[in-house]
Amino acid sequence: MDVKKILNIEPRAWDFIARLEPKLGVVEYMTEEKLAVDLVSMLNVSSKGSNNVLGIRDTHSGMIYRQQKKPRVAVIGSGPSGLFASLVLGELGAEVTLLERGQPVEQRGRDIGALAVRRILQPESNFCFGEGGAGTWSDGKLMTRIGKNTDGVQAVMKTFVHFGAPPNILVDGKPHLGTDKLVPLLRKFRHHLRELGVTIRFNARVDDLIVEDGQVKGIVVSDVELQPGPASQKLAFDAVVMAVGHSARDTYSMLWQHNVDMSPKSFAVSFHCY
């Protein structure tokens, strides 16, 4: 890991790097040539090059110790972070379960229509919750930072193109998709994840973490569609990726109770002129 290069890209990464401790782990290195393509193609090349070996690499000896089973990973939230986390983990061979408290884009669109026209609010399926995240129905804006349109950003943009976005987003100064293009893109993204073997569960709200001896061992999930009241079940996982977005206040309260280290992010306001 080139720390200097990471800090040049994102100075705020120092707070995270400072907390890292030497330990056994998988060391991944992606050349700039691989980052120049979309993530699906890049990960396919990486998987072929490694013969799909899943294991733990000793950072001192370089040896890979093969795992007896695929790691089970829960990804919470199907916004951009959750979708791309599921994509990378699925392509690299993990057993991934993607959980979203809201609805898939088709039903979510109907729920948002009912809210806008008839003022009927679905608490778990609206502008904030559902497949694609909050940005899906805020007209699909893409943001890049001036001078920071790195190879990683380009890889994400090219992944959007891979799933049906117009190629002009790769060269436009202010790339823009629009909700009408995001909905079919998300369908293709979902289809690809399922082809990888990713299990996708909608209407699944994560209410708690299962923690034993300071390690996360699983999650407590509620089916928000069950009436009367949600029924909870406990699911075991080797790792949990939290990608819940900005509106899941109940989830952040739960994480706070588990003493999870959190920090506020900067707030952005957009101005629309009609």
C-alpha atoms as a PDB file:
ATOM      1  CA  MET A   1       0.000   0.000   0.000  1.00  0.00           C
ATOM      2  CA  ASP A   2       1.539   3.301  -1.098  1.00  0.00           C
ATOM      3  CA  VAL A   3       0.621   5.561   1.831  1.00  0.00           C
ATOM      4  CA  LYS A   4       2.008   8.728   0.227  1.00  0.00           C
ATOM      5  CA  LYS A   5      -0.075   8.188  -2.896  1.00  0.00           C
ATOM      6  CA  ILE A   6      -3.210   7.589  -0.818  1.00  0.00           C
ATOM      7  CA  LEU A   7      -2.619  10.754   1.203  1.00  0.00           C
ATOM      8  CA  ASN A   8      -2.142  12.782  -1.975  1.00  0.00           C
ATOM      9  CA  ILE A   9      -5.511  11.537  -3.184  1.00  0.00           C
ATOM     10  CA  GLU A  10      -7.324  11.895   0.142  1.00  0.00           C
ATOM     11  CA  PRO A  11      -5.513  13.687   3.004  1.00  0.00           C
ATOM     12  CA  ARG A  12      -8.261  12.726   5.457  1.00  0.00           C
ATOM     13  CA  ALA A  13      -7.228   9.070   5.068  1.00  0.00           C
ATOM     14  CA  TRP A  14      -4.454   9.705   7.609  1.00  0.00           C
ATOM     15  CA  ASP A  15      -6.872   9.311  10.523  1.00  0.00           C
ATOM     16  CA  PHE A  16      -7.715   5.818   9.271  1.00  0.00           C
ATOM     17  CA  ILE A  17      -4.125   4.849   8.394  1.00  0.00           C
ATOM     18  CA  ALA A  18      -2.927   5.923  11.846  1.00  0.00           C
ATOM     19  CA  ARG A  19      -5.220   3.325  13.442  1.00  0.00           C
ATOM     20  CA  LEU A  20      -3.985   0.408  11.326  1.00  0.00           C
ATOM     21  CA  GLU A  21      -2.046  -2.312  13.111  1.00  0.00           C
ATOM     22  CA  PRO A  22       0.331  -4.895  11.571  1.00  0.00           C
ATOM     23  CA  LYS A  23      -1.581  -8.123  11.101  1.00  0.00           C
ATOM     24  CA  LEU A  24      -2.051 -11.037   8.733  1.00  0.00           C
ATOM     25  CA  GLY A  25      -4.303 -10.145   5.870  1.00  0.00           C
ATOM     26  CA  VAL A  26      -4.892 -10.216   2.157  1.00  0.00           C
ATOM     27  CA  VAL A  27      -2.645  -7.772   0.358  1.00  0.00           C
ATOM     28  CA  GLU A  28      -4.225  -6.536  -2.840  1.00  0.00           C
ATOM     29  CA  TYR A  29      -2.365  -4.491  -5.437  1.00  0.00           C
ATOM     30  CA  MET A  30      -4.017  -3.105  -8.532  1.00  0.00           C
ATOM     31  CA  THR A  31      -1.854  -1.583 -11.243  1.00  0.00           C
ATOM     32  CA  GLU A  32      -2.902   1.676 -12.886  1.00  0.00           C
ATOM     33  CA  GLU A  33      -3.512  -0.232 -16.103  1.00  0.00           C
ATOM     34  CA  LYS A  34      -6.152  -2.344 -14.372  1.00  0.00           C
ATOM     35  CA  LEU A  35      -7.743   0.698 -12.752  1.00  0.00           C
ATOM     36  CA  ALA A  36      -8.170   2.241 -16.191  1.00  0.00           C
ATOM     37  CA  VAL A  37     -11.005  -0.177 -17.012  1.00  0.00           C
ATOM     38  CA  ASP A  38     -14.351  -0.815 -15.346  1.00  0.00           C
ATOM     39  CA  LEU A  39     -14.380  -2.755 -12.080  1.00  0.00           C
ATOM     40  CA  VAL A  40     -16.136  -5.801 -13.535  1.00  0.00           C
ATOM     41  CA  SER A  41     -13.417  -6.324 -16.157  1.00  0.00           C
ATOM     42  CA  MET A  42     -10.642  -5.479 -13.705  1.00  0.00           C
ATOM     43  CA  LEU A  43     -11.860  -7.972 -11.110  1.00  0.00           C
ATOM     44  CA  ASN A  44     -12.337 -10.674 -13.727  1.00  0.00           C
ATOM     45  CA  VAL A  45      -8.684 -10.266 -14.725  1.00  0.00           C
ATOM     46  CA  SER A  46      -7.595 -10.320 -11.083  1.00  0.00           C
ATOM     47  CA  SER A  47      -9.616 -13.478 -10.370  1.00  0.00           C
ATOM     48  CA  LYS A  48      -8.106 -15.281 -13.368  1.00  0.00           C
ATOM     49  CA  GLY A  49      -4.617 -14.210 -12.375  1.00  0.00           C
ATOM     50  CA  SER A  50      -5.005 -15.582  -8.865  1.00  0.00           C
ATOM     51  CA  ASN A  51      -6.720 -18.816  -9.944  1.00  0.00           C
ATOM     52  CA  ASN A  52      -9.606 -17.848  -7.657  1.00  0.00           C
ATOM     53  CA  VAL A  53      -7.573 -18.649  -4.551  1.00  0.00           C
ATOM     54  CA  LEU A  54      -9.383 -17.451  -1.459  1.00  0.00           C
ATOM     55  CA  GLY A  55      -7.171 -17.238   1.546  1.00  0.00           C
ATOM     56  CA  ILE A  56      -5.096 -15.196   3.942  1.00  0.00           C
ATOM     57  CA  ARG A  57      -1.698 -13.944   2.822  1.00  0.00           C
ATOM     58  CA  ASP A  58       1.116 -13.704   5.344  1.00  0.00           C
ATOM     59  CA  THR A  59       2.520 -10.221   4.772  1.00  0.00           C
ATOM     60  CA  HIS A  60       5.988 -11.376   5.897  1.00  0.00           C
ATOM     61  CA  SER A  61       6.438 -14.623   3.951  1.00  0.00           C
ATOM     62  CA  GLY A  62       4.065 -13.870   1.076  1.00  0.00           C
ATOM     63  CA  MET A  63       2.477 -17.315   1.393  1.00  0.00           C
ATOM     64  CA  ILE A  64      -1.286 -17.699   0.943  1.00  0.00           C
ATOM     65  CA  TYR A  65      -3.066 -19.992   3.380  1.00  0.00           C
ATOM     66  CA  ARG A  66      -6.136 -21.393   1.678  1.00  0.00           C
ATOM     67  CA  GLN A  67      -9.412 -20.959   3.553  1.00  0.00           C
ATOM     68  CA  GLN A  68     -11.604 -23.983   4.094  1.00  0.00           C
ATOM     69  CA  LYS A  69     -14.751 -22.055   3.224  1.00  0.00           C
ATOM     70  CA  LYS A  70     -15.801 -18.823   1.590  1.00  0.00           C
ATOM     71  CA  PRO A  71     -16.012 -15.868   3.964  1.00  0.00           C
ATOM     72  CA  ARG A  72     -19.611 -14.885   4.666  1.00  0.00           C
ATOM     73  CA  VAL A  73     -20.054 -11.131   4.393  1.00  0.00           C
ATOM     74  CA  ALA A  74     -23.160  -9.041   5.024  1.00  0.00           C
ATOM     75  CA  VAL A  75     -23.408  -5.722   3.182  1.00  0.00           C
ATOM     76  CA  ILE A  76     -25.971  -3.386   4.747  1.00  0.00           C
ATOM     77  CA  GLY A  77     -27.528  -0.918   2.325  1.00  0.00           C
ATOM     78  CA  SER A  78     -27.897  -0.945  -1.463  1.00  0.00           C
ATOM     79  CA  GLY A  79     -26.794   2.588  -2.248  1.00  0.00           C
ATOM     80  CA  PRO A  80     -23.626   3.181  -4.297  1.00  0.00           C
ATOM     81  CA  SER A  81     -21.278   2.045  -1.506  1.00  0.00           C
ATOM     82  CA  GLY A  82     -23.242  -1.123  -0.792  1.00  0.00           C
ATOM     83  CA  LEU A  83     -23.625  -2.045  -4.451  1.00  0.00           C
ATOM     84  CA  PHE A  84     -19.935  -1.602  -5.218  1.00  0.00           C
ATOM     85  CA  ALA A  85     -18.885  -3.407  -2.029  1.00  0.00           C
ATOM     86  CA  SER A  86     -21.099  -6.344  -3.047  1.00  0.00           C
ATOM     87  CA  LEU A  87     -19.674  -6.247  -6.572  1.00  0.00           C
ATOM     88  CA  VAL A  88     -16.044  -6.368  -5.434  1.00  0.00           C
ATOM     89  CA  LEU A  89     -16.635  -8.994  -2.737  1.00  0.00           C
ATOM     90  CA  GLY A  90     -18.760 -11.135  -5.047  1.00  0.00           C
ATOM     91  CA  GLU A  91     -16.242 -10.987  -7.900  1.00  0.00           C
ATOM     92  CA  LEU A  92     -13.451 -11.993  -5.508  1.00  0.00           C
ATOM     93  CA  GLY A  93     -15.406 -15.043  -4.371  1.00  0.00           C
ATOM     94  CA  ALA A  94     -16.926 -14.157  -1.004  1.00  0.00           C
ATOM     95  CA  GLU A  95     -20.373 -15.401   0.002  1.00  0.00           C
ATOM     96  CA  VAL A  96     -22.199 -12.072   0.047  1.00  0.00           C
ATOM     97  CA  THR A  97     -25.636 -11.168   1.377  1.00  0.00           C
ATOM     98  CA  LEU A  98     -26.826  -7.659   0.482  1.00  0.00           C
ATOM     99  CA  LEU A  99     -29.561  -6.391   2.804  1.00  0.00           C
ATOM    100  CA  GLU A 100     -31.725  -3.355   2.005  1.00  0.00           C
ATOM    101  CA  ARG A 101     -34.491  -2.066   4.272  1.00  0.00           C
ATOM    102  CA  GLY A 102     -36.318  -0.516   1.307  1.00  0.00           C
ATOM    103  CA  GLN A 103     -37.755  -1.826  -1.949  1.00  0.00           C
ATOM    104  CA  PRO A 104     -36.233  -2.587  -5.362  1.00  0.00           C
ATOM    105  CA  VAL A 105     -36.362   0.338  -7.786  1.00  0.00           C
ATOM    106  CA  GLU A 106     -39.581  -0.815  -9.484  1.00  0.00           C
ATOM    107  CA  GLN A 107     -41.684  -0.832  -6.302  1.00  0.00           C
ATOM    108  CA  ARG A 108     -39.765   2.091  -4.868  1.00  0.00           C
ATOM    109  CA  GLY A 109     -40.791   4.211  -7.853  1.00  0.00           C
ATOM    110  CA  ARG A 110     -44.442   3.404  -7.192  1.00  0.00           C
ATOM    111  CA  ASP A 111     -44.058   4.248  -3.499  1.00  0.00           C
ATOM    112  CA  ILE A 112     -42.447   7.593  -4.313  1.00  0.00           C
ATOM    113  CA  GLY A 113     -45.243   8.323  -6.779  1.00  0.00           C
ATOM    114  CA  ALA A 114     -47.823   7.620  -4.068  1.00  0.00           C
ATOM    115  CA  LEU A 115     -45.954   9.969  -1.725  1.00  0.00           C
ATOM    116  CA  ALA A 116     -45.731  12.785  -4.253  1.00  0.00           C
ATOM    117  CA  VAL A 117     -49.315  12.540  -5.555  1.00  0.00           C
ATOM    118  CA  ARG A 118     -51.402  11.106  -2.704  1.00  0.00           C
ATOM    119  CA  ARG A 119     -49.174  11.972   0.276  1.00  0.00           C
ATOM    120  CA  ILE A 120     -48.910   8.310   1.310  1.00  0.00           C
ATOM    121  CA  LEU A 121     -45.573   7.691   3.036  1.00  0.00           C
ATOM    122  CA  GLN A 122     -43.958   4.270   3.208  1.00  0.00           C
ATOM    123  CA  PRO A 123     -41.454   4.626   6.088  1.00  0.00           C
ATOM    124  CA  GLU A 124     -38.989   2.143   4.579  1.00  0.00           C
ATOM    125  CA  SER A 125     -39.479   2.896   0.859  1.00  0.00           C
ATOM    126  CA  ASN A 126     -39.211   6.537  -0.144  1.00  0.00           C
ATOM    127  CA  PHE A 127     -36.736   9.168  -1.325  1.00  0.00           C
ATOM    128  CA  CYS A 128     -34.246   8.092   1.366  1.00  0.00           C
ATOM    129  CA  PHE A 129     -34.544   4.301   1.523  1.00  0.00           C
ATOM    130  CA  GLY A 130     -34.527   1.713  -1.244  1.00  0.00           C
ATOM    131  CA  GLU A 131     -32.389   0.235  -3.993  1.00  0.00           C
ATOM    132  CA  GLY A 132     -29.893   2.707  -5.404  1.00  0.00           C
ATOM    133  CA  GLY A 133     -29.805   4.956  -2.362  1.00  0.00           C
ATOM    134  CA  ALA A 134     -31.042   8.493  -1.862  1.00  0.00           C
ATOM    135  CA  GLY A 135     -29.460   9.785  -5.077  1.00  0.00           C
ATOM    136  CA  THR A 136     -31.587   7.593  -7.345  1.00  0.00           C
ATOM    137  CA  TRP A 137     -34.538   9.988  -7.158  1.00  0.00           C
ATOM    138  CA  SER A 138     -32.565  13.212  -6.830  1.00  0.00           C
ATOM    139  CA  ASP A 139     -31.998  13.100 -10.589  1.00  0.00           C
ATOM    140  CA  GLY A 140     -28.878  10.961 -10.655  1.00  0.00           C
ATOM    141  CA  LYS A 141     -26.166  13.559 -10.242  1.00  0.00           C
ATOM    142  CA  LEU A 142     -22.556  12.416 -10.334  1.00  0.00           C
ATOM    143  CA  MET A 143     -19.940  14.491  -8.541  1.00  0.00           C
ATOM    144  CA  THR A 144     -16.193  14.573  -8.984  1.00  0.00           C
ATOM    145  CA  ARG A 145     -13.746  16.911  -7.295  1.00  0.00           C
ATOM    146  CA  ILE A 146     -11.764  19.350  -9.403  1.00  0.00           C
ATOM    147  CA  GLY A 147      -8.271  17.955  -9.898  1.00  0.00           C
ATOM    148  CA  LYS A 148      -9.192  14.685  -8.186  1.00  0.00           C
ATOM    149  CA  ASN A 149     -10.758  12.722 -11.059  1.00  0.00           C
ATOM    150  CA  THR A 150      -8.461   9.797 -10.301  1.00  0.00           C
ATOM    151  CA  ASP A 151      -8.163   6.373 -11.912  1.00  0.00           C
ATOM    152  CA  GLY A 152     -10.410   5.041  -9.153  1.00  0.00           C
ATOM    153  CA  VAL A 153     -13.134   7.538 -10.049  1.00  0.00           C
ATOM    154  CA  GLN A 154     -12.772   6.614 -13.713  1.00  0.00           C
ATOM    155  CA  ALA A 155     -13.102   2.923 -12.831  1.00  0.00           C
ATOM    156  CA  VAL A 156     -16.418   3.663 -11.103  1.00  0.00           C
ATOM    157  CA  MET A 157     -17.638   5.746 -14.054  1.00  0.00           C
ATOM    158  CA  LYS A 158     -16.684   2.996 -16.493  1.00  0.00           C
ATOM    159  CA  THR A 159     -18.564   0.497 -14.347  1.00  0.00           C
ATOM    160  CA  PHE A 160     -21.681   2.656 -14.749  1.00  0.00           C
ATOM    161  CA  VAL A 161     -21.108   2.573 -18.521  1.00  0.00           C
ATOM    162  CA  HIS A 162     -20.690  -1.211 -18.330  1.00  0.00           C
ATOM    163  CA  PHE A 163     -24.195  -1.398 -16.862  1.00  0.00           C
ATOM    164  CA  GLY A 164     -25.782   0.926 -19.409  1.00  0.00           C
ATOM    165  CA  ALA A 165     -24.857   4.526 -18.600  1.00  0.00           C
ATOM    166  CA  PRO A 166     -24.091   6.773 -21.612  1.00  0.00           C
ATOM    167  CA  PRO A 167     -20.339   6.889 -22.422  1.00  0.00           C
ATOM    168  CA  ASN A 168     -20.305  10.691 -22.359  1.00  0.00           C
ATOM    169  CA  ILE A 169     -20.137  10.621 -18.529  1.00  0.00           C
ATOM    170  CA  LEU A 170     -16.478   9.622 -18.958  1.00  0.00           C
ATOM    171  CA  VAL A 171     -15.557  12.932 -20.577  1.00  0.00           C
ATOM    172  CA  ASP A 172     -18.153  15.453 -19.387  1.00  0.00           C
ATOM    173  CA  GLY A 173     -16.924  18.040 -16.901  1.00  0.00           C
ATOM    174  CA  LYS A 174     -20.126  17.698 -14.869  1.00  0.00           C
ATOM    175  CA  PRO A 175     -21.331  14.132 -15.540  1.00  0.00           C
ATOM    176  CA  HIS A 176     -25.045  13.530 -15.114  1.00  0.00           C
ATOM    177  CA  LEU A 177     -27.140  10.373 -15.410  1.00  0.00           C
ATOM    178  CA  GLY A 178     -30.718  11.190 -14.493  1.00  0.00           C
ATOM    179  CA  THR A 179     -33.239   8.965 -12.736  1.00  0.00           C
ATOM    180  CA  ASP A 180     -34.603   7.636 -16.034  1.00  0.00           C
ATOM    181  CA  LYS A 181     -31.194   6.103 -16.837  1.00  0.00           C
ATOM    182  CA  LEU A 182     -30.399   5.024 -13.287  1.00  0.00           C
ATOM    183  CA  VAL A 183     -33.423   2.732 -12.938  1.00  0.00           C
ATOM    184  CA  PRO A 184     -32.497   0.355 -15.818  1.00  0.00           C
ATOM    185  CA  LEU A 185     -28.830   0.612 -14.785  1.00  0.00           C
ATOM    186  CA  LEU A 186     -29.715  -0.589 -11.285  1.00  0.00           C
ATOM    187  CA  ARG A 187     -31.707  -3.504 -12.718  1.00  0.00           C
ATOM    188  CA  LYS A 188     -28.635  -4.640 -14.684  1.00  0.00           C
ATOM    189  CA  PHE A 189     -26.419  -4.127 -11.641  1.00  0.00           C
ATOM    190  CA  ARG A 190     -28.787  -6.258  -9.520  1.00  0.00           C
ATOM    191  CA  HIS A 191     -28.933  -8.975 -12.193  1.00  0.00           C
ATOM    192  CA  HIS A 192     -25.132  -9.115 -12.369  1.00  0.00           C
ATOM    193  CA  LEU A 193     -24.818  -9.394  -8.585  1.00  0.00           C
ATOM    194  CA  ARG A 194     -27.256 -12.301  -8.524  1.00  0.00           C
ATOM    195  CA  GLU A 195     -25.321 -14.000 -11.326  1.00  0.00           C
ATOM    196  CA  LEU A 196     -22.237 -13.730  -9.105  1.00  0.00           C
ATOM    197  CA  GLY A 197     -24.135 -15.544  -6.364  1.00  0.00           C
ATOM    198  CA  VAL A 198     -24.859 -12.497  -4.206  1.00  0.00           C
ATOM    199  CA  THR A 199     -28.023 -12.977  -2.133  1.00  0.00           C
ATOM    200  CA  ILE A 200     -30.133  -9.805  -2.201  1.00  0.00           C
ATOM    201  CA  ARG A 201     -32.810  -9.262   0.440  1.00  0.00           C
ATOM    202  CA  PHE A 202     -35.138  -6.285   0.284  1.00  0.00           C
ATOM    203  CA  ASN A 203     -37.409  -5.165   3.166  1.00  0.00           C
ATOM    204  CA  ALA A 204     -34.631  -6.336   5.494  1.00  0.00           C
ATOM    205  CA  ARG A 205     -33.762  -3.816   8.195  1.00  0.00           C
ATOM    206  CA  VAL A 206     -30.718  -4.466  10.372  1.00  0.00           C
ATOM    207  CA  ASP A 207     -31.664  -3.688  13.983  1.00  0.00           C
ATOM    208  CA  ASP A 208     -28.582  -4.851  15.853  1.00  0.00           C
ATOM    209  CA  LEU A 209     -25.134  -6.407  15.651  1.00  0.00           C
ATOM    210  CA  ILE A 210     -24.247  -9.692  17.311  1.00  0.00           C
ATOM    211  CA  VAL A 211     -20.960  -9.032  19.113  1.00  0.00           C
ATOM    212  CA  GLU A 212     -18.934 -11.672  20.967  1.00  0.00           C
ATOM    213  CA  ASP A 213     -15.566 -10.994  22.606  1.00  0.00           C
ATOM    214  CA  GLY A 214     -15.294  -7.670  20.825  1.00  0.00           C
ATOM    215  CA  GLN A 215     -15.893  -9.140  17.361  1.00  0.00           C
ATOM    216  CA  VAL A 216     -18.959  -8.904  15.144  1.00  0.00           C
ATOM    217  CA  LYS A 217     -20.374 -12.382  14.611  1.00  0.00           C
ATOM    218  CA  GLY A 218     -23.638 -11.538  12.880  1.00  0.00           C
ATOM    219  CA  ILE A 219     -26.665  -9.286  12.696  1.00  0.00           C
ATOM    220  CA  VAL A 220     -30.282  -9.108  13.833  1.00  0.00           C
ATOM    221  CA  VAL A 221     -32.623  -8.514  10.878  1.00  0.00           C
ATOM    222  CA  SER A 222     -36.304  -7.553  10.765  1.00  0.00           C
ATOM    223  CA  ASP A 223     -38.645  -8.124   7.826  1.00  0.00           C
ATOM    224  CA  VAL A 224     -40.372  -4.740   7.607  1.00  0.00           C
ATOM    225  CA  GLU A 225     -43.243  -6.079   5.470  1.00  0.00           C
ATOM    226  CA  LEU A 226     -44.528  -8.569   8.018  1.00  0.00           C
ATOM    227  CA  GLN A 227     -47.736  -7.512   9.748  1.00  0.00           C
ATOM    228  CA  PRO A 228     -48.402  -6.978  12.577  1.00  0.00           C
ATOM    229  CA  GLY A 229     -44.924  -5.808  13.506  1.00  0.00           C
ATOM    230  CA  PRO A 230     -41.585  -7.015  12.178  1.00  0.00           C
ATOM    231  CA  ALA A 231     -40.231 -10.448  13.049  1.00  0.00           C
ATOM    232  CA  SER A 232     -36.521 -10.611  13.833  1.00  0.00           C
ATOM    233  CA  GLN A 233     -33.992 -13.288  12.984  1.00  0.00           C
ATOM    234  CA  LYS A 234     -30.315 -13.707  13.807  1.00  0.00           C
ATOM    235  CA  LEU A 235     -27.879 -14.304  10.949  1.00  0.00           C
ATOM    236  CA  ALA A 236     -24.230 -15.296  11.362  1.00  0.00           C
ATOM    237  CA  PHE A 237     -21.504 -13.634   9.257  1.00  0.00           C
ATOM    238  CA  ASP A 238     -17.729 -13.411   9.274  1.00  0.00           C
ATOM    239  CA  ALA A 239     -17.780  -9.691   8.474  1.00  0.00           C
ATOM    240  CA  VAL A 240     -20.312  -6.883   8.151  1.00  0.00           C
ATOM    241  CA  VAL A 241     -19.993  -3.891   5.812  1.00  0.00           C
ATOM    242  CA  MET A 242     -22.105  -0.914   6.892  1.00  0.00           C
ATOM    243  CA  ALA A 243     -23.212   1.164   3.881  1.00  0.00           C
ATOM    244  CA  VAL A 244     -26.406   2.619   5.310  1.00  0.00           C
ATOM    245  CA  GLY A 245     -26.347   6.180   3.966  1.00  0.00           C
ATOM    246  CA  HIS A 246     -27.233   9.407   5.746  1.00  0.00           C
ATOM    247  CA  SER A 247     -30.861   8.782   6.759  1.00  0.00           C
ATOM    248  CA  ALA A 248     -30.612   5.636   8.896  1.00  0.00           C
ATOM    249  CA  ARG A 249     -30.549   7.423  12.247  1.00  0.00           C
ATOM    250  CA  ASP A 250     -31.739   4.304  14.065  1.00  0.00           C
ATOM    251  CA  THR A 251     -28.760   2.362  12.698  1.00  0.00           C
ATOM    252  CA  TYR A 252     -26.297   5.035  13.791  1.00  0.00           C
ATOM    253  CA  SER A 253     -27.845   5.044  17.268  1.00  0.00           C
ATOM    254  CA  MET A 254     -27.365   1.289  17.424  1.00  0.00           C
ATOM    255  CA  LEU A 255     -23.720   1.591  16.312  1.00  0.00           C
ATOM    256  CA  TRP A 256     -23.148   4.298  18.913  1.00  0.00           C
ATOM    257  CA  GLN A 257     -24.397   1.934  21.622  1.00  0.00           C
ATOM    258  CA  HIS A 258     -21.784  -0.585  20.444  1.00  0.00           C
ATOM    259  CA  ASN A 259     -19.065   2.099  20.798  1.00  0.00           C
ATOM    260  CA  VAL A 260     -18.334   2.085  17.072  1.00  0.00           C
ATOM    261  CA  ASP A 261     -15.948   4.880  16.112  1.00  0.00           C
ATOM    262  CA  MET A 262     -17.884   7.405  14.019  1.00  0.00           C
ATOM    263  CA  SER A 263     -17.187  10.912  12.778  1.00  0.00           C
ATOM    264  CA  PRO A 264     -19.487  13.449  11.090  1.00  0.00           C
ATOM    265  CA  LYS A 265     -19.058  14.174   7.404  1.00  0.00           C
ATOM    266  CA  SER A 266     -19.356  17.533   5.724  1.00  0.00           C
ATOM    267  CA  PHE A 267     -22.814  18.588   4.585  1.00  0.00           C
ATOM    268  CA  ALA A 268     -23.614  19.486   0.984  1.00  0.00           C
ATOM    269  CA  VAL A 269     -26.534  21.607  -0.193  1.00  0.00           C
ATOM    270  CA  SER A 270     -27.642  21.609  -3.827  1.00  0.00           C
ATOM    271  CA  PHE A 271     -29.538  24.467  -5.442  1.00  0.00           C
ATOM    272  CA  HIS A 272     -32.179  23.730  -8.091  1.00  0.00           C
ATOM    273  CA  CYS A 273     -33.507  26.451 -10.372  1.00  0.00           C
ATOM    274  CA  TYR A 274     -36.735  25.705 -12.237  1.00  0.00           C
END
